[in-house]
Amino acid sequence: MSLESRKLLTIVTESALEHELSVEIQRLGAHGYTVTDARGRGGRGVRNASWTMSANIRIEVVCPAATAETIAATLKERYYANYAMILFLSDVEVMRPDKF
């Protein structure tokens, strides 16, 4: 079994940004992403998704390190000041590197 290293960029943010971020992520070089609903509590209070306008999403992007860092830096610059958003990077090993 052959594995190759990639980065997993995880974005937790307001669901209202889903379309805009999906376009941005692809424009910045990612081949794809996964979106799931998210709930929790943070610096901006409880985000329990019981009301659509207060819902959060979790976007996961597996891609080369340079792409992940570019996406993270761009999103931080454009969205951190005005939206509830966290970004974090993890090292992952993938079995089908051509997909990422």
PDB file of N, CA and C in Angstrom:
ATOM      1  N   MET A   1       0.853  -1.172   0.000  1.00  0.00           N
ATOM      2  CA  MET A   1       0.000   0.000   0.000  1.00  0.00           C
ATOM      3  C   MET A   1       0.896   1.232   0.000  1.00  0.00           C
ATOM      4  N   SER A   2       0.644   2.124  -0.944  1.00  0.00           N
ATOM      5  CA  SER A   2       1.429   3.344  -1.079  1.00  0.00           C
ATOM      6  C   SER A   2       0.623   4.545  -0.586  1.00  0.00           C
ATOM      7  N   LEU A   3       1.209   5.297   0.325  1.00  0.00           N
ATOM      8  CA  LEU A   3       0.553   6.492   0.866  1.00  0.00           C
ATOM      9  C   LEU A   3       1.381   7.722   0.541  1.00  0.00           C
ATOM     10  N   GLU A   4       0.709   8.830   0.333  1.00  0.00           N
ATOM     11  CA  GLU A   4       1.394  10.107   0.118  1.00  0.00           C
ATOM     12  C   GLU A   4       0.834  11.156   1.057  1.00  0.00           C
ATOM     13  N   SER A   5       1.689  12.069   1.463  1.00  0.00           N
ATOM     14  CA  SER A   5       1.307  13.118   2.404  1.00  0.00           C
ATOM     15  C   SER A   5       0.544  14.243   1.718  1.00  0.00           C
ATOM     16  N   ARG A   6      -0.473  14.701   2.397  1.00  0.00           N
ATOM     17  CA  ARG A   6      -1.240  15.877   1.989  1.00  0.00           C
ATOM     18  C   ARG A   6      -1.628  16.626   3.257  1.00  0.00           C
ATOM     19  N   LYS A   7      -2.236  17.785   3.108  1.00  0.00           N
ATOM     20  CA  LYS A   7      -2.767  18.545   4.235  1.00  0.00           C
ATOM     21  C   LYS A   7      -4.288  18.460   4.215  1.00  0.00           C
ATOM     22  N   LEU A   8      -4.863  18.430   5.393  1.00  0.00           N
ATOM     23  CA  LEU A   8      -6.304  18.546   5.560  1.00  0.00           C
ATOM     24  C   LEU A   8      -6.556  19.923   6.142  1.00  0.00           C
ATOM     25  N   LEU A   9      -7.205  20.779   5.377  1.00  0.00           N
ATOM     26  CA  LEU A   9      -7.619  22.097   5.848  1.00  0.00           C
ATOM     27  C   LEU A   9      -9.061  21.969   6.303  1.00  0.00           C
ATOM     28  N   THR A  10      -9.323  22.297   7.553  1.00  0.00           N
ATOM     29  CA  THR A  10     -10.672  22.270   8.098  1.00  0.00           C
ATOM     30  C   THR A  10     -11.116  23.693   8.374  1.00  0.00           C
ATOM     31  N   ILE A  11     -12.291  24.017   7.883  1.00  0.00           N
ATOM     32  CA  ILE A  11     -12.876  25.348   8.038  1.00  0.00           C
ATOM     33  C   ILE A  11     -14.216  25.172   8.744  1.00  0.00           C
ATOM     34  N   VAL A  12     -14.398  25.815   9.869  1.00  0.00           N
ATOM     35  CA  VAL A  12     -15.698  25.826  10.539  1.00  0.00           C
ATOM     36  C   VAL A  12     -16.175  27.268  10.504  1.00  0.00           C
ATOM     37  N   THR A  13     -17.347  27.470   9.904  1.00  0.00           N
ATOM     38  CA  THR A  13     -17.818  28.833   9.692  1.00  0.00           C
ATOM     39  C   THR A  13     -19.330  28.875   9.533  1.00  0.00           C
ATOM     40  N   GLU A  14     -19.831  30.045   9.282  1.00  0.00           N
ATOM     41  CA  GLU A  14     -21.259  30.275   9.106  1.00  0.00           C
ATOM     42  C   GLU A  14     -21.747  29.665   7.794  1.00  0.00           C
ATOM     43  N   SER A  15     -22.889  28.996   7.843  1.00  0.00           N
ATOM     44  CA  SER A  15     -23.413  28.319   6.658  1.00  0.00           C
ATOM     45  C   SER A  15     -23.720  29.281   5.514  1.00  0.00           C
ATOM     46  N   ALA A  16     -23.953  30.539   5.827  1.00  0.00           N
ATOM     47  CA  ALA A  16     -24.238  31.529   4.786  1.00  0.00           C
ATOM     48  C   ALA A  16     -23.078  31.685   3.803  1.00  0.00           C
ATOM     49  N   LEU A  17     -21.879  31.257   4.198  1.00  0.00           N
ATOM     50  CA  LEU A  17     -20.702  31.399   3.346  1.00  0.00           C
ATOM     51  C   LEU A  17     -20.453  30.193   2.446  1.00  0.00           C
ATOM     52  N   GLU A  18     -21.269  29.161   2.530  1.00  0.00           N
ATOM     53  CA  GLU A  18     -20.970  27.911   1.823  1.00  0.00           C
ATOM     54  C   GLU A  18     -20.707  28.111   0.330  1.00  0.00           C
ATOM     55  N   HIS A  19     -21.608  28.742  -0.371  1.00  0.00           N
ATOM     56  CA  HIS A  19     -21.428  28.902  -1.823  1.00  0.00           C
ATOM     57  C   HIS A  19     -20.178  29.720  -2.140  1.00  0.00           C
ATOM     58  N   GLU A  20     -20.041  30.842  -1.471  1.00  0.00           N
ATOM     59  CA  GLU A  20     -18.900  31.720  -1.722  1.00  0.00           C
ATOM     60  C   GLU A  20     -17.573  31.010  -1.465  1.00  0.00           C
ATOM     61  N   LEU A  21     -17.495  30.268  -0.358  1.00  0.00           N
ATOM     62  CA  LEU A  21     -16.255  29.559  -0.033  1.00  0.00           C
ATOM     63  C   LEU A  21     -15.995  28.406  -0.987  1.00  0.00           C
ATOM     64  N   SER A  22     -17.032  27.727  -1.434  1.00  0.00           N
ATOM     65  CA  SER A  22     -16.822  26.622  -2.370  1.00  0.00           C
ATOM     66  C   SER A  22     -16.204  27.125  -3.677  1.00  0.00           C
ATOM     67  N   VAL A  23     -16.650  28.263  -4.135  1.00  0.00           N
ATOM     68  CA  VAL A  23     -16.075  28.869  -5.342  1.00  0.00           C
ATOM     69  C   VAL A  23     -14.625  29.274  -5.076  1.00  0.00           C
ATOM     70  N   GLU A  24     -14.378  29.910  -3.949  1.00  0.00           N
ATOM     71  CA  GLU A  24     -13.038  30.388  -3.589  1.00  0.00           C
ATOM     72  C   GLU A  24     -12.050  29.223  -3.452  1.00  0.00           C
ATOM     73  N   ILE A  25     -12.462  28.167  -2.787  1.00  0.00           N
ATOM     74  CA  ILE A  25     -11.599  27.006  -2.570  1.00  0.00           C
ATOM     75  C   ILE A  25     -11.154  26.405  -3.901  1.00  0.00           C
ATOM     76  N   GLN A  26     -12.074  26.258  -4.821  1.00  0.00           N
ATOM     77  CA  GLN A  26     -11.721  25.707  -6.129  1.00  0.00           C
ATOM     78  C   GLN A  26     -10.869  26.681  -6.933  1.00  0.00           C
ATOM     79  N   ARG A  27     -11.188  27.957  -6.854  1.00  0.00           N
ATOM     80  CA  ARG A  27     -10.401  28.971  -7.577  1.00  0.00           C
ATOM     81  C   ARG A  27      -8.948  28.973  -7.120  1.00  0.00           C
ATOM     82  N   LEU A  28      -8.736  28.662  -5.836  1.00  0.00           N
ATOM     83  CA  LEU A  28      -7.387  28.678  -5.269  1.00  0.00           C
ATOM     84  C   LEU A  28      -6.642  27.352  -5.454  1.00  0.00           C
ATOM     85  N   GLY A  29      -7.252  26.396  -6.161  1.00  0.00           N
ATOM     86  CA  GLY A  29      -6.495  25.214  -6.558  1.00  0.00           C
ATOM     87  C   GLY A  29      -6.898  23.873  -5.986  1.00  0.00           C
ATOM     88  N   ALA A  30      -7.869  23.825  -5.091  1.00  0.00           N
ATOM     89  CA  ALA A  30      -8.296  22.532  -4.550  1.00  0.00           C
ATOM     90  C   ALA A  30      -9.165  21.807  -5.574  1.00  0.00           C
ATOM     91  N   HIS A  31      -9.037  20.498  -5.628  1.00  0.00           N
ATOM     92  CA  HIS A  31      -9.828  19.703  -6.570  1.00  0.00           C
ATOM     93  C   HIS A  31     -11.233  19.428  -6.059  1.00  0.00           C
ATOM     94  N   GLY A  32     -11.433  19.518  -4.750  1.00  0.00           N
ATOM     95  CA  GLY A  32     -12.743  19.249  -4.180  1.00  0.00           C
ATOM     96  C   GLY A  32     -12.770  19.569  -2.700  1.00  0.00           C
ATOM     97  N   TYR A  33     -13.898  19.303  -2.068  1.00  0.00           N
ATOM     98  CA  TYR A  33     -14.094  19.594  -0.654  1.00  0.00           C
ATOM     99  C   TYR A  33     -15.299  18.813  -0.170  1.00  0.00           C
ATOM    100  N   THR A  34     -15.445  18.713   1.133  1.00  0.00           N
ATOM    101  CA  THR A  34     -16.604  18.075   1.752  1.00  0.00           C
ATOM    102  C   THR A  34     -17.212  19.052   2.741  1.00  0.00           C
ATOM    103  N   VAL A  35     -18.531  19.180   2.721  1.00  0.00           N
ATOM    104  CA  VAL A  35     -19.239  20.082   3.629  1.00  0.00           C
ATOM    105  C   VAL A  35     -20.184  19.257   4.504  1.00  0.00           C
ATOM    106  N   THR A  36     -20.145  19.519   5.828  1.00  0.00           N
ATOM    107  CA  THR A  36     -21.078  18.899   6.762  1.00  0.00           C
ATOM    108  C   THR A  36     -21.615  19.972   7.701  1.00  0.00           C
ATOM    109  N   ASP A  37     -22.769  19.704   8.291  1.00  0.00           N
ATOM    110  CA  ASP A  37     -23.323  20.614   9.289  1.00  0.00           C
ATOM    111  C   ASP A  37     -22.478  20.522  10.560  1.00  0.00           C
ATOM    112  N   ALA A  38     -22.400  21.624  11.289  1.00  0.00           N
ATOM    113  CA  ALA A  38     -21.607  21.659  12.520  1.00  0.00           C
ATOM    114  C   ALA A  38     -22.350  22.441  13.594  1.00  0.00           C
ATOM    115  N   ARG A  39     -22.165  22.030  14.826  1.00  0.00           N
ATOM    116  CA  ARG A  39     -22.739  22.732  15.980  1.00  0.00           C
ATOM    117  C   ARG A  39     -21.656  22.868  17.029  1.00  0.00           C
ATOM    118  N   GLY A  40     -21.812  23.857  17.907  1.00  0.00           N
ATOM    119  CA  GLY A  40     -20.844  24.008  18.987  1.00  0.00           C
ATOM    120  C   GLY A  40     -20.903  25.372  19.628  1.00  0.00           C
ATOM    121  N   ARG A  41     -19.901  25.641  20.430  1.00  0.00           N
ATOM    122  CA  ARG A  41     -19.805  26.906  21.144  1.00  0.00           C
ATOM    123  C   ARG A  41     -18.399  27.445  20.985  1.00  0.00           C
ATOM    124  N   GLY A  42     -18.312  28.756  20.816  1.00  0.00           N
ATOM    125  CA  GLY A  42     -17.014  29.399  20.660  1.00  0.00           C
ATOM    126  C   GLY A  42     -17.086  30.845  21.086  1.00  0.00           C
ATOM    127  N   GLY A  43     -16.155  31.618  20.609  1.00  0.00           N
ATOM    128  CA  GLY A  43     -16.043  33.013  20.964  1.00  0.00           C
ATOM    129  C   GLY A  43     -17.255  33.857  20.601  1.00  0.00           C
ATOM    130  N   ARG A  44     -18.035  33.395  19.668  1.00  0.00           N
ATOM    131  CA  ARG A  44     -19.243  34.130  19.257  1.00  0.00           C
ATOM    132  C   ARG A  44     -20.508  33.468  19.776  1.00  0.00           C
ATOM    133  N   GLY A  45     -20.369  32.625  20.801  1.00  0.00           N
ATOM    134  CA  GLY A  45     -21.530  32.016  21.436  1.00  0.00           C
ATOM    135  C   GLY A  45     -21.860  30.644  20.890  1.00  0.00           C
ATOM    136  N   VAL A  46     -23.064  30.177  21.235  1.00  0.00           N
ATOM    137  CA  VAL A  46     -23.532  28.862  20.819  1.00  0.00           C
ATOM    138  C   VAL A  46     -24.045  28.940  19.394  1.00  0.00           C
ATOM    139  N   ARG A  47     -23.633  27.991  18.573  1.00  0.00           N
ATOM    140  CA  ARG A  47     -24.106  27.872  17.195  1.00  0.00           C
ATOM    141  C   ARG A  47     -24.758  26.501  17.094  1.00  0.00           C
ATOM    142  N   ASN A  48     -26.077  26.454  17.342  1.00  0.00           N
ATOM    143  CA  ASN A  48     -26.727  25.157  17.450  1.00  0.00           C
ATOM    144  C   ASN A  48     -27.486  24.719  16.209  1.00  0.00           C
ATOM    145  N   ALA A  49     -27.508  25.518  15.177  1.00  0.00           N
ATOM    146  CA  ALA A  49     -28.132  25.180  13.889  1.00  0.00           C
ATOM    147  C   ALA A  49     -29.648  25.040  13.960  1.00  0.00           C
ATOM    148  N   SER A  50     -30.278  25.451  15.070  1.00  0.00           N
ATOM    149  CA  SER A  50     -31.733  25.355  15.147  1.00  0.00           C
ATOM    150  C   SER A  50     -32.405  26.426  14.284  1.00  0.00           C
ATOM    151  N   TRP A  51     -31.670  27.441  13.937  1.00  0.00           N
ATOM    152  CA  TRP A  51     -32.167  28.498  13.060  1.00  0.00           C
ATOM    153  C   TRP A  51     -31.165  28.607  11.920  1.00  0.00           C
ATOM    154  N   THR A  52     -31.618  28.550  10.696  1.00  0.00           N
ATOM    155  CA  THR A  52     -30.735  28.503   9.534  1.00  0.00           C
ATOM    156  C   THR A  52     -29.688  29.605   9.548  1.00  0.00           C
ATOM    157  N   MET A  53     -30.069  30.791   9.960  1.00  0.00           N
ATOM    158  CA  MET A  53     -29.125  31.910   9.954  1.00  0.00           C
ATOM    159  C   MET A  53     -28.020  31.762  11.008  1.00  0.00           C
ATOM    160  N   SER A  54     -28.202  30.873  11.980  1.00  0.00           N
ATOM    161  CA  SER A  54     -27.157  30.686  12.979  1.00  0.00           C
ATOM    162  C   SER A  54     -26.432  29.354  12.801  1.00  0.00           C
ATOM    163  N   ALA A  55     -26.702  28.670  11.692  1.00  0.00           N
ATOM    164  CA  ALA A  55     -26.084  27.372  11.449  1.00  0.00           C
ATOM    165  C   ALA A  55     -24.616  27.522  11.059  1.00  0.00           C
ATOM    166  N   ASN A  56     -23.843  26.512  11.414  1.00  0.00           N
ATOM    167  CA  ASN A  56     -22.439  26.436  11.021  1.00  0.00           C
ATOM    168  C   ASN A  56     -22.242  25.253  10.097  1.00  0.00           C
ATOM    169  N   ILE A  57     -21.183  25.330   9.313  1.00  0.00           N
ATOM    170  CA  ILE A  57     -20.754  24.215   8.488  1.00  0.00           C
ATOM    171  C   ILE A  57     -19.284  23.932   8.754  1.00  0.00           C
ATOM    172  N   ARG A  58     -18.895  22.725   8.413  1.00  0.00           N
ATOM    173  CA  ARG A  58     -17.495  22.308   8.487  1.00  0.00           C
ATOM    174  C   ARG A  58     -17.110  21.905   7.069  1.00  0.00           C
ATOM    175  N   ILE A  59     -16.116  22.579   6.535  1.00  0.00           N
ATOM    176  CA  ILE A  59     -15.624  22.278   5.186  1.00  0.00           C
ATOM    177  C   ILE A  59     -14.250  21.648   5.338  1.00  0.00           C
ATOM    178  N   GLU A  60     -14.069  20.502   4.702  1.00  0.00           N
ATOM    179  CA  GLU A  60     -12.781  19.821   4.753  1.00  0.00           C
ATOM    180  C   GLU A  60     -12.206  19.745   3.342  1.00  0.00           C
ATOM    181  N   VAL A  61     -10.931  20.113   3.233  1.00  0.00           N
ATOM    182  CA  VAL A  61     -10.244  20.133   1.951  1.00  0.00           C
ATOM    183  C   VAL A  61      -8.938  19.365   2.113  1.00  0.00           C
ATOM    184  N   VAL A  62      -8.750  18.319   1.327  1.00  0.00           N
ATOM    185  CA  VAL A  62      -7.489  17.589   1.311  1.00  0.00           C
ATOM    186  C   VAL A  62      -6.756  18.015   0.047  1.00  0.00           C
ATOM    187  N   CYS A  63      -5.525  18.503   0.222  1.00  0.00           N
ATOM    188  CA  CYS A  63      -4.787  19.041  -0.916  1.00  0.00           C
ATOM    189  C   CYS A  63      -3.301  19.151  -0.558  1.00  0.00           C
ATOM    190  N   PRO A  64      -2.458  19.506  -1.524  1.00  0.00           N
ATOM    191  CA  PRO A  64      -1.053  19.732  -1.213  1.00  0.00           C
ATOM    192  C   PRO A  64      -0.891  20.866  -0.191  1.00  0.00           C
ATOM    193  N   ALA A  65       0.193  20.820   0.559  1.00  0.00           N
ATOM    194  CA  ALA A  65       0.433  21.801   1.624  1.00  0.00           C
ATOM    195  C   ALA A  65       0.384  23.240   1.108  1.00  0.00           C
ATOM    196  N   ALA A  66       0.999  23.509  -0.023  1.00  0.00           N
ATOM    197  CA  ALA A  66       1.021  24.886  -0.546  1.00  0.00           C
ATOM    198  C   ALA A  66      -0.382  25.388  -0.857  1.00  0.00           C
ATOM    199  N   THR A  67      -1.219  24.515  -1.399  1.00  0.00           N
ATOM    200  CA  THR A  67      -2.605  24.897  -1.706  1.00  0.00           C
ATOM    201  C   THR A  67      -3.373  25.174  -0.423  1.00  0.00           C
ATOM    202  N   ALA A  68      -3.218  24.302   0.569  1.00  0.00           N
ATOM    203  CA  ALA A  68      -3.911  24.478   1.849  1.00  0.00           C
ATOM    204  C   ALA A  68      -3.501  25.784   2.517  1.00  0.00           C
ATOM    205  N   GLU A  69      -2.215  26.080   2.478  1.00  0.00           N
ATOM    206  CA  GLU A  69      -1.723  27.312   3.105  1.00  0.00           C
ATOM    207  C   GLU A  69      -2.235  28.550   2.369  1.00  0.00           C
ATOM    208  N   THR A  70      -2.311  28.485   1.049  1.00  0.00           N
ATOM    209  CA  THR A  70      -2.843  29.607   0.261  1.00  0.00           C
ATOM    210  C   THR A  70      -4.318  29.834   0.564  1.00  0.00           C
ATOM    211  N   ILE A  71      -5.094  28.749   0.601  1.00  0.00           N
ATOM    212  CA  ILE A  71      -6.523  28.864   0.903  1.00  0.00           C
ATOM    213  C   ILE A  71      -6.708  29.435   2.306  1.00  0.00           C
ATOM    214  N   ALA A  72      -5.985  28.891   3.281  1.00  0.00           N
ATOM    215  CA  ALA A  72      -6.124  29.356   4.667  1.00  0.00           C
ATOM    216  C   ALA A  72      -5.777  30.841   4.788  1.00  0.00           C
ATOM    217  N   ALA A  73      -4.687  31.257   4.193  1.00  0.00           N
ATOM    218  CA  ALA A  73      -4.275  32.666   4.278  1.00  0.00           C
ATOM    219  C   ALA A  73      -5.304  33.581   3.627  1.00  0.00           C
ATOM    220  N   THR A  74      -5.845  33.171   2.483  1.00  0.00           N
ATOM    221  CA  THR A  74      -6.838  33.977   1.781  1.00  0.00           C
ATOM    222  C   THR A  74      -8.123  34.098   2.591  1.00  0.00           C
ATOM    223  N   LEU A  75      -8.599  32.976   3.129  1.00  0.00           N
ATOM    224  CA  LEU A  75      -9.835  33.014   3.914  1.00  0.00           C
ATOM    225  C   LEU A  75      -9.653  33.827   5.183  1.00  0.00           C
ATOM    226  N   LYS A  76      -8.521  33.680   5.830  1.00  0.00           N
ATOM    227  CA  LYS A  76      -8.251  34.466   7.043  1.00  0.00           C
ATOM    228  C   LYS A  76      -8.301  35.958   6.728  1.00  0.00           C
ATOM    229  N   GLU A  77      -7.638  36.345   5.659  1.00  0.00           N
ATOM    230  CA  GLU A  77      -7.584  37.759   5.278  1.00  0.00           C
ATOM    231  C   GLU A  77      -8.966  38.308   4.919  1.00  0.00           C
ATOM    232  N   ARG A  78      -9.755  37.536   4.212  1.00  0.00           N
ATOM    233  CA  ARG A  78     -11.032  38.033   3.704  1.00  0.00           C
ATOM    234  C   ARG A  78     -12.213  37.896   4.659  1.00  0.00           C
ATOM    235  N   TYR A  79     -12.169  36.914   5.580  1.00  0.00           N
ATOM    236  CA  TYR A  79     -13.374  36.606   6.352  1.00  0.00           C
ATOM    237  C   TYR A  79     -13.248  36.714   7.868  1.00  0.00           C
ATOM    238  N   TYR A  80     -12.046  36.583   8.404  1.00  0.00           N
ATOM    239  CA  TYR A  80     -11.904  36.536   9.869  1.00  0.00           C
ATOM    240  C   TYR A  80     -12.503  37.744  10.578  1.00  0.00           C
ATOM    241  N   ALA A  81     -12.365  38.912  10.028  1.00  0.00           N
ATOM    242  CA  ALA A  81     -12.811  40.128  10.717  1.00  0.00           C
ATOM    243  C   ALA A  81     -14.331  40.221  10.856  1.00  0.00           C
ATOM    244  N   ASN A  82     -15.060  39.611   9.932  1.00  0.00           N
ATOM    245  CA  ASN A  82     -16.507  39.820   9.896  1.00  0.00           C
ATOM    246  C   ASN A  82     -17.371  38.579  10.065  1.00  0.00           C
ATOM    247  N   TYR A  83     -16.759  37.416  10.146  1.00  0.00           N
ATOM    248  CA  TYR A  83     -17.532  36.169  10.248  1.00  0.00           C
ATOM    249  C   TYR A  83     -16.956  35.276  11.332  1.00  0.00           C
ATOM    250  N   ALA A  84     -17.819  34.432  11.892  1.00  0.00           N
ATOM    251  CA  ALA A  84     -17.352  33.397  12.806  1.00  0.00           C
ATOM    252  C   ALA A  84     -16.672  32.335  11.942  1.00  0.00           C
ATOM    253  N   MET A  85     -15.376  32.160  12.133  1.00  0.00           N
ATOM    254  CA  MET A  85     -14.623  31.213  11.304  1.00  0.00           C
ATOM    255  C   MET A  85     -13.379  30.768  12.045  1.00  0.00           C
ATOM    256  N   ILE A  86     -13.110  29.477  11.987  1.00  0.00           N
ATOM    257  CA  ILE A  86     -11.812  28.963  12.437  1.00  0.00           C
ATOM    258  C   ILE A  86     -11.243  28.102  11.325  1.00  0.00           C
ATOM    259  N   LEU A  87      -9.951  28.068  11.250  1.00  0.00           N
ATOM    260  CA  LEU A  87      -9.227  27.274  10.260  1.00  0.00           C
ATOM    261  C   LEU A  87      -8.166  26.474  10.992  1.00  0.00           C
ATOM    262  N   PHE A  88      -7.988  25.219  10.606  1.00  0.00           N
ATOM    263  CA  PHE A  88      -6.842  24.474  11.127  1.00  0.00           C
ATOM    264  C   PHE A  88      -6.365  23.458  10.106  1.00  0.00           C
ATOM    265  N   LEU A  89      -5.081  23.162  10.168  1.00  0.00           N
ATOM    266  CA  LEU A  89      -4.423  22.251   9.237  1.00  0.00           C
ATOM    267  C   LEU A  89      -3.950  21.006   9.969  1.00  0.00           C
ATOM    268  N   SER A  90      -4.078  19.878   9.296  1.00  0.00           N
ATOM    269  CA  SER A  90      -3.603  18.607   9.833  1.00  0.00           C
ATOM    270  C   SER A  90      -2.841  17.871   8.736  1.00  0.00           C
ATOM    271  N   ASP A  91      -1.891  17.071   9.140  1.00  0.00           N
ATOM    272  CA  ASP A  91      -1.203  16.198   8.193  1.00  0.00           C
ATOM    273  C   ASP A  91      -2.039  14.942   7.994  1.00  0.00           C
ATOM    274  N   VAL A  92      -2.195  14.519   6.742  1.00  0.00           N
ATOM    275  CA  VAL A  92      -2.918  13.292   6.433  1.00  0.00           C
ATOM    276  C   VAL A  92      -2.129  12.500   5.400  1.00  0.00           C
ATOM    277  N   GLU A  93      -2.391  11.213   5.337  1.00  0.00           N
ATOM    278  CA  GLU A  93      -1.815  10.324   4.343  1.00  0.00           C
ATOM    279  C   GLU A  93      -2.959   9.836   3.456  1.00  0.00           C
ATOM    280  N   VAL A  94      -2.778   9.919   2.141  1.00  0.00           N
ATOM    281  CA  VAL A  94      -3.840   9.524   1.218  1.00  0.00           C
ATOM    282  C   VAL A  94      -3.391   8.358   0.349  1.00  0.00           C
ATOM    283  N   MET A  95      -4.369   7.574  -0.082  1.00  0.00           N
ATOM    284  CA  MET A  95      -4.096   6.397  -0.906  1.00  0.00           C
ATOM    285  C   MET A  95      -4.250   6.676  -2.398  1.00  0.00           C
ATOM    286  N   ARG A  96      -4.981   7.699  -2.744  1.00  0.00           N
ATOM    287  CA  ARG A  96      -5.195   8.051  -4.147  1.00  0.00           C
ATOM    288  C   ARG A  96      -4.755   9.495  -4.363  1.00  0.00           C
ATOM    289  N   PRO A  97      -3.442   9.758  -4.379  1.00  0.00           N
ATOM    290  CA  PRO A  97      -2.948  11.133  -4.413  1.00  0.00           C
ATOM    291  C   PRO A  97      -3.390  11.917  -5.641  1.00  0.00           C
ATOM    292  N   ASP A  98      -3.685  11.255  -6.747  1.00  0.00           N
ATOM    293  CA  ASP A  98      -4.132  11.962  -7.941  1.00  0.00           C
ATOM    294  C   ASP A  98      -5.480  12.642  -7.742  1.00  0.00           C
ATOM    295  N   LYS A  99      -6.233  12.249  -6.740  1.00  0.00           N
ATOM    296  CA  LYS A  99      -7.522  12.865  -6.427  1.00  0.00           C
ATOM    297  C   LYS A  99      -7.361  14.203  -5.710  1.00  0.00           C
ATOM    298  N   PHE A 100      -6.171  14.465  -5.174  1.00  0.00           N
ATOM    299  CA  PHE A 100      -5.950  15.634  -4.337  1.00  0.00           C
ATOM    300  C   PHE A 100      -4.865  16.516  -4.921  1.00  0.00           C
TER     301      PHE A 100
END
